[in-house]
Amino acid sequence: MITESQLLIERVQTGVRMEKRLLKVLKAFAEYHDMSLGDLLEGIVLHAFDGKTPFSPESLKRIQELKKFYALDLDSSASHRLREIKRRSENKAALRKHTSEKKK
């Protein structure tokens, strides 16, 4: 039963790529609070859109512990400087494409 305080929404599946250790921290934090990763991300984004912090001092302490555990040494200053490592399979596919184009 939906109460007056609940909001009906439509959720969609997404295939977002994210830094591996950051995702581990987020998943662990969501699990700690017995919530889904999607619910956690929705809450973080809604707070950020309002210019508010989504985390209490206790939560921030837990996040710092999880960052240490998962060796996550990134902070907000890294947000626009992250570059993904090229995968070997992607390099091989690009090389095959380049080689086949040269033969034409």
PDB file of N, CA and C in Angstrom:
ATOM      1  N   MET A   1       0.832  -1.181   0.000  1.00  0.00           N
ATOM      2  CA  MET A   1       0.000   0.000   0.000  1.00  0.00           C
ATOM      3  C   MET A   1       0.882   1.253   0.000  1.00  0.00           C
ATOM      4  N   ILE A   2       0.561   2.192  -0.864  1.00  0.00           N
ATOM      5  CA  ILE A   2       1.309   3.433  -0.981  1.00  0.00           C
ATOM      6  C   ILE A   2       0.693   4.477  -0.048  1.00  0.00           C
ATOM      7  N   THR A   3       1.531   5.056   0.798  1.00  0.00           N
ATOM      8  CA  THR A   3       1.045   6.115   1.697  1.00  0.00           C
ATOM      9  C   THR A   3       1.255   7.468   1.030  1.00  0.00           C
ATOM     10  N   GLU A   4       0.667   8.491   1.611  1.00  0.00           N
ATOM     11  CA  GLU A   4       0.760   9.839   1.053  1.00  0.00           C
ATOM     12  C   GLU A   4       2.203  10.337   1.007  1.00  0.00           C
ATOM     13  N   SER A   5       3.054   9.889   1.916  1.00  0.00           N
ATOM     14  CA  SER A   5       4.437  10.354   1.954  1.00  0.00           C
ATOM     15  C   SER A   5       5.327   9.654   0.926  1.00  0.00           C
ATOM     16  N   GLN A   6       4.850   8.574   0.325  1.00  0.00           N
ATOM     17  CA  GLN A   6       5.642   7.859  -0.668  1.00  0.00           C
ATOM     18  C   GLN A   6       5.403   8.437  -2.055  1.00  0.00           C
ATOM     19  N   LEU A   7       6.426   8.398  -2.883  1.00  0.00           N
ATOM     20  CA  LEU A   7       6.347   8.915  -4.243  1.00  0.00           C
ATOM     21  C   LEU A   7       6.456   7.756  -5.227  1.00  0.00           C
ATOM     22  N   LEU A   8       5.572   7.712  -6.182  1.00  0.00           N
ATOM     23  CA  LEU A   8       5.625   6.695  -7.224  1.00  0.00           C
ATOM     24  C   LEU A   8       6.582   7.157  -8.313  1.00  0.00           C
ATOM     25  N   ILE A   9       7.514   6.302  -8.669  1.00  0.00           N
ATOM     26  CA  ILE A   9       8.511   6.639  -9.688  1.00  0.00           C
ATOM     27  C   ILE A   9       8.668   5.463 -10.640  1.00  0.00           C
ATOM     28  N   GLU A  10       9.343   5.698 -11.744  1.00  0.00           N
ATOM     29  CA  GLU A  10       9.707   4.629 -12.675  1.00  0.00           C
ATOM     30  C   GLU A  10      11.225   4.545 -12.700  1.00  0.00           C
ATOM     31  N   ARG A  11      11.771   3.380 -12.442  1.00  0.00           N
ATOM     32  CA  ARG A  11      13.215   3.179 -12.488  1.00  0.00           C
ATOM     33  C   ARG A  11      13.580   2.479 -13.796  1.00  0.00           C
ATOM     34  N   VAL A  12      14.781   2.746 -14.276  1.00  0.00           N
ATOM     35  CA  VAL A  12      15.298   2.105 -15.480  1.00  0.00           C
ATOM     36  C   VAL A  12      16.652   1.483 -15.170  1.00  0.00           C
ATOM     37  N   GLN A  13      16.975   0.428 -15.879  1.00  0.00           N
ATOM     38  CA  GLN A  13      18.276  -0.228 -15.729  1.00  0.00           C
ATOM     39  C   GLN A  13      19.312   0.599 -16.486  1.00  0.00           C
ATOM     40  N   THR A  14      20.498   0.717 -15.910  1.00  0.00           N
ATOM     41  CA  THR A  14      21.548   1.488 -16.556  1.00  0.00           C
ATOM     42  C   THR A  14      22.859   0.713 -16.513  1.00  0.00           C
ATOM     43  N   GLY A  15      23.720   0.997 -17.435  1.00  0.00           N
ATOM     44  CA  GLY A  15      25.024   0.342 -17.493  1.00  0.00           C
ATOM     45  C   GLY A  15      26.135   1.344 -17.282  1.00  0.00           C
ATOM     46  N   VAL A  16      26.205   1.911 -16.111  1.00  0.00           N
ATOM     47  CA  VAL A  16      27.189   2.946 -15.806  1.00  0.00           C
ATOM     48  C   VAL A  16      28.539   2.310 -15.492  1.00  0.00           C
ATOM     49  N   ARG A  17      29.613   2.887 -16.055  1.00  0.00           N
ATOM     50  CA  ARG A  17      30.963   2.425 -15.737  1.00  0.00           C
ATOM     51  C   ARG A  17      31.528   3.330 -14.655  1.00  0.00           C
ATOM     52  N   MET A  18      32.263   2.725 -13.713  1.00  0.00           N
ATOM     53  CA  MET A  18      32.753   3.480 -12.565  1.00  0.00           C
ATOM     54  C   MET A  18      34.088   2.891 -12.111  1.00  0.00           C
ATOM     55  N   GLU A  19      34.908   3.704 -11.482  1.00  0.00           N
ATOM     56  CA  GLU A  19      36.195   3.252 -10.955  1.00  0.00           C
ATOM     57  C   GLU A  19      35.954   2.097  -9.991  1.00  0.00           C
ATOM     58  N   LYS A  20      36.735   1.039 -10.138  1.00  0.00           N
ATOM     59  CA  LYS A  20      36.513  -0.228  -9.442  1.00  0.00           C
ATOM     60  C   LYS A  20      36.486  -0.101  -7.924  1.00  0.00           C
ATOM     61  N   ARG A  21      37.474   0.571  -7.347  1.00  0.00           N
ATOM     62  CA  ARG A  21      37.536   0.678  -5.881  1.00  0.00           C
ATOM     63  C   ARG A  21      36.423   1.557  -5.340  1.00  0.00           C
ATOM     64  N   LEU A  22      36.062   2.591  -6.099  1.00  0.00           N
ATOM     65  CA  LEU A  22      34.963   3.464  -5.699  1.00  0.00           C
ATOM     66  C   LEU A  22      33.660   2.676  -5.636  1.00  0.00           C
ATOM     67  N   LEU A  23      33.451   1.828  -6.629  1.00  0.00           N
ATOM     68  CA  LEU A  23      32.252   0.993  -6.641  1.00  0.00           C
ATOM     69  C   LEU A  23      32.240   0.029  -5.455  1.00  0.00           C
ATOM     70  N   LYS A  24      33.383  -0.525  -5.112  1.00  0.00           N
ATOM     71  CA  LYS A  24      33.461  -1.432  -3.960  1.00  0.00           C
ATOM     72  C   LYS A  24      33.068  -0.718  -2.666  1.00  0.00           C
ATOM     73  N   VAL A  25      33.555   0.505  -2.500  1.00  0.00           N
ATOM     74  CA  VAL A  25      33.208   1.281  -1.306  1.00  0.00           C
ATOM     75  C   VAL A  25      31.707   1.569  -1.284  1.00  0.00           C
ATOM     76  N   LEU A  26      31.153   1.982  -2.421  1.00  0.00           N
ATOM     77  CA  LEU A  26      29.718   2.269  -2.494  1.00  0.00           C
ATOM     78  C   LEU A  26      28.880   1.034  -2.182  1.00  0.00           C
ATOM     79  N   LYS A  27      29.248  -0.107  -2.757  1.00  0.00           N
ATOM     80  CA  LYS A  27      28.504  -1.347  -2.504  1.00  0.00           C
ATOM     81  C   LYS A  27      28.574  -1.735  -1.029  1.00  0.00           C
ATOM     82  N   ALA A  28      29.763  -1.621  -0.446  1.00  0.00           N
ATOM     83  CA  ALA A  28      29.933  -1.978   0.967  1.00  0.00           C
ATOM     84  C   ALA A  28      29.133  -1.035   1.866  1.00  0.00           C
ATOM     85  N   PHE A  29      29.125   0.247   1.519  1.00  0.00           N
ATOM     86  CA  PHE A  29      28.371   1.223   2.304  1.00  0.00           C
ATOM     87  C   PHE A  29      26.874   0.956   2.190  1.00  0.00           C
ATOM     88  N   ALA A  30      26.403   0.641   1.005  1.00  0.00           N
ATOM     89  CA  ALA A  30      24.989   0.308   0.808  1.00  0.00           C
ATOM     90  C   ALA A  30      24.628  -0.944   1.598  1.00  0.00           C
ATOM     91  N   GLU A  31      25.479  -1.945   1.537  1.00  0.00           N
ATOM     92  CA  GLU A  31      25.238  -3.191   2.276  1.00  0.00           C
ATOM     93  C   GLU A  31      25.204  -2.923   3.774  1.00  0.00           C
ATOM     94  N   TYR A  32      26.102  -2.093   4.260  1.00  0.00           N
ATOM     95  CA  TYR A  32      26.150  -1.752   5.680  1.00  0.00           C
ATOM     96  C   TYR A  32      24.818  -1.157   6.144  1.00  0.00           C
ATOM     97  N   HIS A  33      24.181  -0.379   5.249  1.00  0.00           N
ATOM     98  CA  HIS A  33      22.899   0.255   5.579  1.00  0.00           C
ATOM     99  C   HIS A  33      21.703  -0.547   5.080  1.00  0.00           C
ATOM    100  N   ASP A  34      21.961  -1.771   4.631  1.00  0.00           N
ATOM    101  CA  ASP A  34      20.903  -2.680   4.170  1.00  0.00           C
ATOM    102  C   ASP A  34      20.019  -2.024   3.107  1.00  0.00           C
ATOM    103  N   MET A  35      20.690  -1.438   2.112  1.00  0.00           N
ATOM    104  CA  MET A  35      19.963  -0.815   1.012  1.00  0.00           C
ATOM    105  C   MET A  35      20.635  -1.191  -0.300  1.00  0.00           C
ATOM    106  N   SER A  36      19.929  -0.992  -1.383  1.00  0.00           N
ATOM    107  CA  SER A  36      20.506  -1.310  -2.689  1.00  0.00           C
ATOM    108  C   SER A  36      21.474  -0.215  -3.113  1.00  0.00           C
ATOM    109  N   LEU A  37      22.366  -0.567  -4.011  1.00  0.00           N
ATOM    110  CA  LEU A  37      23.295   0.410  -4.560  1.00  0.00           C
ATOM    111  C   LEU A  37      22.518   1.522  -5.274  1.00  0.00           C
ATOM    112  N   GLY A  38      21.479   1.161  -6.000  1.00  0.00           N
ATOM    113  CA  GLY A  38      20.666   2.151  -6.693  1.00  0.00           C
ATOM    114  C   GLY A  38      20.026   3.147  -5.739  1.00  0.00           C
ATOM    115  N   ASP A  39      19.473   2.639  -4.626  1.00  0.00           N
ATOM    116  CA  ASP A  39      18.871   3.534  -3.627  1.00  0.00           C
ATOM    117  C   ASP A  39      19.916   4.484  -3.046  1.00  0.00           C
ATOM    118  N   LEU A  40      21.103   3.964  -2.774  1.00  0.00           N
ATOM    119  CA  LEU A  40      22.181   4.802  -2.244  1.00  0.00           C
ATOM    120  C   LEU A  40      22.538   5.900  -3.239  1.00  0.00           C
ATOM    121  N   LEU A  41      22.735   5.524  -4.501  1.00  0.00           N
ATOM    122  CA  LEU A  41      23.111   6.506  -5.517  1.00  0.00           C
ATOM    123  C   LEU A  41      22.021   7.554  -5.727  1.00  0.00           C
ATOM    124  N   GLU A  42      20.762   7.121  -5.723  1.00  0.00           N
ATOM    125  CA  GLU A  42      19.666   8.084  -5.840  1.00  0.00           C
ATOM    126  C   GLU A  42      19.707   9.100  -4.702  1.00  0.00           C
ATOM    127  N   GLY A  43      19.924   8.619  -3.487  1.00  0.00           N
ATOM    128  CA  GLY A  43      19.992   9.512  -2.336  1.00  0.00           C
ATOM    129  C   GLY A  43      21.151  10.487  -2.423  1.00  0.00           C
ATOM    130  N   ILE A  44      22.312   9.988  -2.846  1.00  0.00           N
ATOM    131  CA  ILE A  44      23.489  10.849  -2.984  1.00  0.00           C
ATOM    132  C   ILE A  44      23.224  11.945  -4.015  1.00  0.00           C
ATOM    133  N   VAL A  45      22.683  11.561  -5.159  1.00  0.00           N
ATOM    134  CA  VAL A  45      22.440  12.526  -6.233  1.00  0.00           C
ATOM    135  C   VAL A  45      21.375  13.545  -5.831  1.00  0.00           C
ATOM    136  N   LEU A  46      20.287  13.096  -5.226  1.00  0.00           N
ATOM    137  CA  LEU A  46      19.243  14.034  -4.809  1.00  0.00           C
ATOM    138  C   LEU A  46      19.773  15.050  -3.799  1.00  0.00           C
ATOM    139  N   HIS A  47      20.595  14.591  -2.862  1.00  0.00           N
ATOM    140  CA  HIS A  47      21.208  15.521  -1.909  1.00  0.00           C
ATOM    141  C   HIS A  47      22.149  16.494  -2.632  1.00  0.00           C
ATOM    142  N   ALA A  48      22.974  15.962  -3.530  1.00  0.00           N
ATOM    143  CA  ALA A  48      23.927  16.806  -4.262  1.00  0.00           C
ATOM    144  C   ALA A  48      23.197  17.859  -5.092  1.00  0.00           C
ATOM    145  N   PHE A  49      22.093  17.483  -5.727  1.00  0.00           N
ATOM    146  CA  PHE A  49      21.323  18.439  -6.528  1.00  0.00           C
ATOM    147  C   PHE A  49      20.776  19.578  -5.672  1.00  0.00           C
ATOM    148  N   ASP A  50      20.551  19.319  -4.400  1.00  0.00           N
ATOM    149  CA  ASP A  50      20.075  20.348  -3.474  1.00  0.00           C
ATOM    150  C   ASP A  50      21.226  21.066  -2.770  1.00  0.00           C
ATOM    151  N   GLY A  51      22.471  20.705  -3.107  1.00  0.00           N
ATOM    152  CA  GLY A  51      23.628  21.326  -2.472  1.00  0.00           C
ATOM    153  C   GLY A  51      23.816  20.901  -1.034  1.00  0.00           C
ATOM    154  N   LYS A  52      23.345  19.698  -0.689  1.00  0.00           N
ATOM    155  CA  LYS A  52      23.445  19.196   0.678  1.00  0.00           C
ATOM    156  C   LYS A  52      24.340  17.960   0.723  1.00  0.00           C
ATOM    157  N   THR A  53      24.948  17.733   1.874  1.00  0.00           N
ATOM    158  CA  THR A  53      25.727  16.511   2.041  1.00  0.00           C
ATOM    159  C   THR A  53      24.781  15.358   2.386  1.00  0.00           C
ATOM    160  N   PRO A  54      24.960  14.210   1.733  1.00  0.00           N
ATOM    161  CA  PRO A  54      24.077  13.079   2.016  1.00  0.00           C
ATOM    162  C   PRO A  54      24.511  12.260   3.224  1.00  0.00           C
ATOM    163  N   PHE A  55      25.659  12.609   3.828  1.00  0.00           N
ATOM    164  CA  PHE A  55      26.234  11.751   4.856  1.00  0.00           C
ATOM    165  C   PHE A  55      26.359  12.447   6.204  1.00  0.00           C
ATOM    166  N   SER A  56      26.015  11.713   7.246  1.00  0.00           N
ATOM    167  CA  SER A  56      26.208  12.189   8.612  1.00  0.00           C
ATOM    168  C   SER A  56      27.686  12.040   8.970  1.00  0.00           C
ATOM    169  N   PRO A  57      28.133  12.654  10.062  1.00  0.00           N
ATOM    170  CA  PRO A  57      29.529  12.461  10.495  1.00  0.00           C
ATOM    171  C   PRO A  57      29.871  10.980  10.709  1.00  0.00           C
ATOM    172  N   GLU A  58      28.922  10.208  11.240  1.00  0.00           N
ATOM    173  CA  GLU A  58      29.163   8.777  11.451  1.00  0.00           C
ATOM    174  C   GLU A  58      29.342   8.042  10.119  1.00  0.00           C
ATOM    175  N   SER A  59      28.522   8.415   9.140  1.00  0.00           N
ATOM    176  CA  SER A  59      28.632   7.797   7.814  1.00  0.00           C
ATOM    177  C   SER A  59      29.956   8.158   7.154  1.00  0.00           C
ATOM    178  N   LEU A  60      30.371   9.399   7.295  1.00  0.00           N
ATOM    179  CA  LEU A  60      31.655   9.813   6.720  1.00  0.00           C
ATOM    180  C   LEU A  60      32.807   9.032   7.342  1.00  0.00           C
ATOM    181  N   LYS A  61      32.710   8.758   8.633  1.00  0.00           N
ATOM    182  CA  LYS A  61      33.737   7.954   9.302  1.00  0.00           C
ATOM    183  C   LYS A  61      33.753   6.539   8.730  1.00  0.00           C
ATOM    184  N   ARG A  62      32.585   5.948   8.539  1.00  0.00           N
ATOM    185  CA  ARG A  62      32.486   4.602   7.958  1.00  0.00           C
ATOM    186  C   ARG A  62      33.056   4.590   6.537  1.00  0.00           C
ATOM    187  N   ILE A  63      32.757   5.621   5.769  1.00  0.00           N
ATOM    188  CA  ILE A  63      33.278   5.703   4.403  1.00  0.00           C
ATOM    189  C   ILE A  63      34.802   5.764   4.416  1.00  0.00           C
ATOM    190  N   GLN A  64      35.382   6.525   5.331  1.00  0.00           N
ATOM    191  CA  GLN A  64      36.843   6.592   5.435  1.00  0.00           C
ATOM    192  C   GLN A  64      37.429   5.218   5.747  1.00  0.00           C
ATOM    193  N   GLU A  65      36.775   4.465   6.604  1.00  0.00           N
ATOM    194  CA  GLU A  65      37.228   3.108   6.930  1.00  0.00           C
ATOM    195  C   GLU A  65      37.153   2.205   5.702  1.00  0.00           C
ATOM    196  N   LEU A  66      36.065   2.311   4.955  1.00  0.00           N
ATOM    197  CA  LEU A  66      35.903   1.495   3.746  1.00  0.00           C
ATOM    198  C   LEU A  66      36.915   1.898   2.674  1.00  0.00           C
ATOM    199  N   LYS A  67      37.196   3.186   2.558  1.00  0.00           N
ATOM    200  CA  LYS A  67      38.204   3.640   1.593  1.00  0.00           C
ATOM    201  C   LYS A  67      39.568   3.046   1.923  1.00  0.00           C
ATOM    202  N   LYS A  68      39.911   3.002   3.202  1.00  0.00           N
ATOM    203  CA  LYS A  68      41.187   2.395   3.608  1.00  0.00           C
ATOM    204  C   LYS A  68      41.188   0.909   3.279  1.00  0.00           C
ATOM    205  N   PHE A  69      40.096   0.226   3.608  1.00  0.00           N
ATOM    206  CA  PHE A  69      40.002  -1.221   3.382  1.00  0.00           C
ATOM    207  C   PHE A  69      40.155  -1.558   1.899  1.00  0.00           C
ATOM    208  N   TYR A  70      39.546  -0.766   1.032  1.00  0.00           N
ATOM    209  CA  TYR A  70      39.599  -1.030  -0.404  1.00  0.00           C
ATOM    210  C   TYR A  70      40.689  -0.238  -1.125  1.00  0.00           C
ATOM    211  N   ALA A  71      41.590   0.376  -0.372  1.00  0.00           N
ATOM    212  CA  ALA A  71      42.732   1.122  -0.916  1.00  0.00           C
ATOM    213  C   ALA A  71      42.287   2.195  -1.905  1.00  0.00           C
ATOM    214  N   LEU A  72      41.194   2.875  -1.590  1.00  0.00           N
ATOM    215  CA  LEU A  72      40.703   3.961  -2.433  1.00  0.00           C
ATOM    216  C   LEU A  72      41.346   5.257  -1.965  1.00  0.00           C
ATOM    217  N   ASP A  73      42.297   5.739  -2.752  1.00  0.00           N
ATOM    218  CA  ASP A  73      43.034   6.944  -2.379  1.00  0.00           C
ATOM    219  C   ASP A  73      42.579   8.174  -3.169  1.00  0.00           C
ATOM    220  N   LEU A  74      41.435   8.094  -3.820  1.00  0.00           N
ATOM    221  CA  LEU A  74      40.911   9.212  -4.597  1.00  0.00           C
ATOM    222  C   LEU A  74      40.002  10.077  -3.736  1.00  0.00           C
ATOM    223  N   ASP A  75      39.964  11.367  -4.064  1.00  0.00           N
ATOM    224  CA  ASP A  75      39.016  12.278  -3.428  1.00  0.00           C
ATOM    225  C   ASP A  75      38.405  13.139  -4.527  1.00  0.00           C
ATOM    226  N   SER A  76      37.635  14.144  -4.148  1.00  0.00           N
ATOM    227  CA  SER A  76      36.919  14.952  -5.135  1.00  0.00           C
ATOM    228  C   SER A  76      37.851  15.676  -6.104  1.00  0.00           C
ATOM    229  N   SER A  77      39.081  15.924  -5.710  1.00  0.00           N
ATOM    230  CA  SER A  77      40.018  16.607  -6.611  1.00  0.00           C
ATOM    231  C   SER A  77      40.372  15.746  -7.827  1.00  0.00           C
ATOM    232  N   ALA A  78      40.101  14.455  -7.758  1.00  0.00           N
ATOM    233  CA  ALA A  78      40.407  13.552  -8.877  1.00  0.00           C
ATOM    234  C   ALA A  78      39.273  13.459  -9.896  1.00  0.00           C
ATOM    235  N   SER A  79      38.128  14.039  -9.584  1.00  0.00           N
ATOM    236  CA  SER A  79      36.916  13.771 -10.366  1.00  0.00           C
ATOM    237  C   SER A  79      37.017  14.096 -11.855  1.00  0.00           C
ATOM    238  N   HIS A  80      37.760  15.087 -12.253  1.00  0.00           N
ATOM    239  CA  HIS A  80      37.849  15.431 -13.677  1.00  0.00           C
ATOM    240  C   HIS A  80      39.196  15.029 -14.280  1.00  0.00           C
ATOM    241  N   ARG A  81      39.968  14.237 -13.545  1.00  0.00           N
ATOM    242  CA  ARG A  81      41.287  13.832 -14.026  1.00  0.00           C
ATOM    243  C   ARG A  81      41.409  12.340 -14.247  1.00  0.00           C
ATOM    244  N   LEU A  82      40.346  11.585 -14.044  1.00  0.00           N
ATOM    245  CA  LEU A  82      40.408  10.123 -14.168  1.00  0.00           C
ATOM    246  C   LEU A  82      40.458   9.718 -15.632  1.00  0.00           C
ATOM    247  N   ARG A  83      41.392   8.859 -15.975  1.00  0.00           N
ATOM    248  CA  ARG A  83      41.519   8.316 -17.322  1.00  0.00           C
ATOM    249  C   ARG A  83      41.590   6.809 -17.212  1.00  0.00           C
ATOM    250  N   GLU A  84      40.813   6.137 -18.042  1.00  0.00           N
ATOM    251  CA  GLU A  84      40.727   4.684 -17.963  1.00  0.00           C
ATOM    252  C   GLU A  84      41.910   4.014 -18.652  1.00  0.00           C
ATOM    253  N   ILE A  85      42.389   2.935 -18.050  1.00  0.00           N
ATOM    254  CA  ILE A  85      43.442   2.121 -18.641  1.00  0.00           C
ATOM    255  C   ILE A  85      42.841   1.383 -19.826  1.00  0.00           C
ATOM    256  N   LYS A  86      43.517   1.411 -20.952  1.00  0.00           N
ATOM    257  CA  LYS A  86      43.029   0.667 -22.115  1.00  0.00           C
ATOM    258  C   LYS A  86      43.211  -0.815 -21.861  1.00  0.00           C
ATOM    259  N   ARG A  87      42.193  -1.582 -22.185  1.00  0.00           N
ATOM    260  CA  ARG A  87      42.250  -3.026 -22.008  1.00  0.00           C
ATOM    261  C   ARG A  87      42.961  -3.672 -23.185  1.00  0.00           C
ATOM    262  N   ARG A  88      43.609  -4.796 -22.927  1.00  0.00           N
ATOM    263  CA  ARG A  88      44.329  -5.498 -23.981  1.00  0.00           C
ATOM    264  C   ARG A  88      43.409  -5.913 -25.118  1.00  0.00           C
ATOM    265  N   SER A  89      42.209  -6.410 -24.794  1.00  0.00           N
ATOM    266  CA  SER A  89      41.290  -6.864 -25.836  1.00  0.00           C
ATOM    267  C   SER A  89      40.873  -5.704 -26.733  1.00  0.00           C
ATOM    268  N   GLU A  90      40.705  -4.512 -26.157  1.00  0.00           N
ATOM    269  CA  GLU A  90      40.364  -3.340 -26.954  1.00  0.00           C
ATOM    270  C   GLU A  90      41.526  -2.967 -27.860  1.00  0.00           C
ATOM    271  N   ASN A  91      42.751  -3.075 -27.344  1.00  0.00           N
ATOM    272  CA  ASN A  91      43.926  -2.771 -28.156  1.00  0.00           C
ATOM    273  C   ASN A  91      44.057  -3.756 -29.310  1.00  0.00           C
ATOM    274  N   LYS A  92      43.799  -5.042 -29.041  1.00  0.00           N
ATOM    275  CA  LYS A  92      43.881  -6.052 -30.087  1.00  0.00           C
ATOM    276  C   LYS A  92      42.832  -5.815 -31.164  1.00  0.00           C
ATOM    277  N   ALA A  93      41.615  -5.469 -30.749  1.00  0.00           N
ATOM    278  CA  ALA A  93      40.535  -5.208 -31.710  1.00  0.00           C
ATOM    279  C   ALA A  93      40.878  -3.998 -32.573  1.00  0.00           C
ATOM    280  N   ALA A  94      41.430  -2.970 -31.975  1.00  0.00           N
ATOM    281  CA  ALA A  94      41.814  -1.773 -32.725  1.00  0.00           C
ATOM    282  C   ALA A  94      42.934  -2.103 -33.706  1.00  0.00           C
ATOM    283  N   LEU A  95      43.879  -2.926 -33.281  1.00  0.00           N
ATOM    284  CA  LEU A  95      44.978  -3.324 -34.148  1.00  0.00           C
ATOM    285  C   LEU A  95      44.469  -4.143 -35.327  1.00  0.00           C
ATOM    286  N   ARG A  96      43.539  -5.098 -35.076  1.00  0.00           N
ATOM    287  CA  ARG A  96      42.966  -5.902 -36.160  1.00  0.00           C
ATOM    288  C   ARG A  96      42.240  -5.011 -37.160  1.00  0.00           C
ATOM    289  N   LYS A  97      41.475  -4.047 -36.662  1.00  0.00           N
ATOM    290  CA  LYS A  97      40.733  -3.137 -37.535  1.00  0.00           C
ATOM    291  C   LYS A  97      41.702  -2.316 -38.375  1.00  0.00           C
ATOM    292  N   HIS A  98      42.742  -1.803 -37.735  1.00  0.00           N
ATOM    293  CA  HIS A  98      43.743  -0.997 -38.428  1.00  0.00           C
ATOM    294  C   HIS A  98      44.446  -1.824 -39.505  1.00  0.00           C
ATOM    295  N   THR A  99      44.806  -3.061 -39.175  1.00  0.00           N
ATOM    296  CA  THR A  99      45.499  -3.943 -40.114  1.00  0.00           C
ATOM    297  C   THR A  99      44.597  -4.297 -41.293  1.00  0.00           C
ATOM    298  N   SER A 100      43.331  -4.600 -41.036  1.00  0.00           N
ATOM    299  CA  SER A 100      42.410  -4.956 -42.125  1.00  0.00           C
ATOM    300  C   SER A 100      42.142  -3.755 -43.035  1.00  0.00           C
ATOM    301  N   GLU A 101      42.129  -2.553 -42.498  1.00  0.00           N
ATOM    302  CA  GLU A 101      41.923  -1.360 -43.308  1.00  0.00           C
ATOM    303  C   GLU A 101      43.119  -1.089 -44.205  1.00  0.00           C
ATOM    304  N   LYS A 102      44.330  -1.409 -43.732  1.00  0.00           N
ATOM    305  CA  LYS A 102      45.532  -1.214 -44.535  1.00  0.00           C
ATOM    306  C   LYS A 102      45.558  -2.148 -45.738  1.00  0.00           C
ATOM    307  N   LYS A 103      45.005  -3.377 -45.557  1.00  0.00           N
ATOM    308  CA  LYS A 103      45.008  -4.373 -46.632  1.00  0.00           C
ATOM    309  C   LYS A 103      44.092  -3.990 -47.776  1.00  0.00           C
ATOM    310  N   LYS A 104      43.099  -3.154 -47.504  1.00  0.00           N
ATOM    311  CA  LYS A 104      42.125  -2.761 -48.547  1.00  0.00           C
ATOM    312  C   LYS A 104      42.709  -1.859 -49.510  1.00  0.00           C
TER     313      LYS A 104
END
